[in-house]
Amino acid sequence: LETDVVPITADKSADVQAIDDEYANIGIREPKVCITTSRDPSNRLKQFAKEIKLCIPNSQAINRGTYRTDELVDACRKADFTDMVFLNETRG
């Protein structure tokens, strides 16, 4: 088995921008995670969201209500969330 390792040159690293690097803030800023569900979650999904909130450090569960996804993303950006988790279920 033969493997070729190609080093990253300065030219290729210039193509990567800070906006594309999701790991740029590791060790600098603590991640803040938003956890939300579908618009009309069942009791089981609500309970699952609470359990996920306990599993993920520095997370906050937000009731989606009647917000559209893009409105929720904008609200999370303003609240300085770093990540979002959408929980959905298929009934039936």
Protein backbone atom coordinates (compact mmCIF):
# COMPACT_ATOMS: atom_id res chain seq x y z
CA LEU A 1 0.00 0.00 0.00
CA GLU A 2 1.48 3.28 -1.04
CA THR A 3 0.31 6.66 0.18
CA ASP A 4 1.26 10.03 -1.17
CA VAL A 5 1.30 12.95 1.22
CA VAL A 6 1.06 16.33 -0.42
CA PRO A 7 1.99 19.23 1.86
CA ILE A 8 -0.21 22.31 1.87
CA THR A 9 1.64 25.16 0.32
CA ALA A 10 1.19 28.81 1.13
CA ASP A 11 -0.75 29.27 -2.11
CA LYS A 12 -3.47 26.80 -1.14
CA SER A 13 -3.80 28.08 2.41
CA ALA A 14 -4.46 31.57 1.07
CA ASP A 15 -7.66 30.27 -0.52
CA VAL A 16 -9.14 29.37 2.87
CA GLN A 17 -10.87 32.33 4.47
CA ALA A 18 -11.73 32.78 8.12
CA ILE A 19 -15.43 32.60 7.26
CA ASP A 20 -14.89 29.06 5.93
CA ASP A 21 -12.92 27.87 8.96
CA GLU A 22 -15.40 26.66 11.56
CA TYR A 23 -12.55 25.73 13.90
CA ALA A 24 -10.90 29.17 13.86
CA ASN A 25 -12.23 30.07 17.34
CA ILE A 26 -11.29 26.86 19.17
CA GLY A 27 -9.75 27.77 22.49
CA ILE A 28 -10.59 31.44 21.99
CA ARG A 29 -14.35 31.42 22.46
CA GLU A 30 -16.62 28.88 24.14
CA PRO A 31 -19.24 27.48 21.71
CA LYS A 32 -22.84 28.49 22.38
CA VAL A 33 -25.37 26.00 20.98
CA CYS A 34 -29.03 26.64 20.19
CA ILE A 35 -31.33 23.61 20.30
CA THR A 36 -34.78 23.89 18.74
CA THR A 37 -37.54 21.58 17.54
CA SER A 38 -40.13 21.51 14.79
CA ARG A 39 -43.12 23.87 14.98
CA ASP A 40 -45.50 21.46 16.69
CA PRO A 41 -43.31 19.03 18.66
CA SER A 42 -44.74 16.03 20.45
CA ASN A 43 -44.16 15.54 24.16
CA ARG A 44 -41.51 12.92 23.39
CA LEU A 45 -39.58 15.34 21.16
CA LYS A 46 -39.78 18.07 23.82
CA GLN A 47 -38.37 15.63 26.38
CA PHE A 48 -35.65 14.58 23.93
CA ALA A 49 -34.70 18.23 23.38
CA LYS A 50 -34.34 18.67 27.16
CA GLU A 51 -32.08 15.62 27.35
CA ILE A 52 -29.94 16.83 24.44
CA LYS A 53 -29.63 20.19 26.19
CA LEU A 54 -28.19 18.41 29.22
CA CYS A 55 -25.73 16.46 27.04
CA ILE A 56 -24.33 19.45 25.13
CA PRO A 57 -22.43 21.90 27.33
CA ASN A 58 -23.29 25.60 27.08
CA SER A 59 -26.49 24.92 25.12
CA GLN A 60 -29.87 26.57 25.31
CA ALA A 61 -33.21 25.16 24.19
CA ILE A 62 -35.40 27.64 22.34
CA ASN A 63 -39.09 27.21 21.60
CA ARG A 64 -39.47 27.69 17.85
CA GLY A 65 -43.14 28.65 17.91
CA THR A 66 -44.21 30.17 14.61
CA TYR A 67 -40.75 31.38 13.58
CA ARG A 68 -39.53 30.44 10.12
CA THR A 69 -36.09 28.86 9.91
CA ASP A 70 -34.43 31.95 8.45
CA GLU A 71 -35.94 34.15 11.20
CA LEU A 72 -34.63 31.74 13.83
CA VAL A 73 -31.16 31.76 12.27
CA ASP A 74 -31.12 35.57 12.31
CA ALA A 75 -32.22 35.64 15.96
CA CYS A 76 -29.48 33.17 16.88
CA ARG A 77 -26.85 35.23 15.07
CA LYS A 78 -27.93 38.31 17.03
CA ALA A 79 -27.78 36.31 20.28
CA ASP A 80 -24.22 35.21 19.41
CA PHE A 81 -24.90 31.47 19.06
CA THR A 82 -22.11 29.56 17.36
CA ASP A 83 -24.10 26.42 16.42
CA MET A 84 -27.69 25.34 15.91
CA VAL A 85 -29.29 21.91 16.34
CA PHE A 86 -32.70 21.33 14.74
CA LEU A 87 -34.62 18.36 16.13
CA ASN A 88 -37.35 16.96 13.92
CA GLU A 89 -39.54 13.88 14.00
CA THR A 90 -41.54 11.89 11.50
CA ARG A 91 -44.93 10.85 12.75
CA GLY A 92 -46.77 7.90 11.40
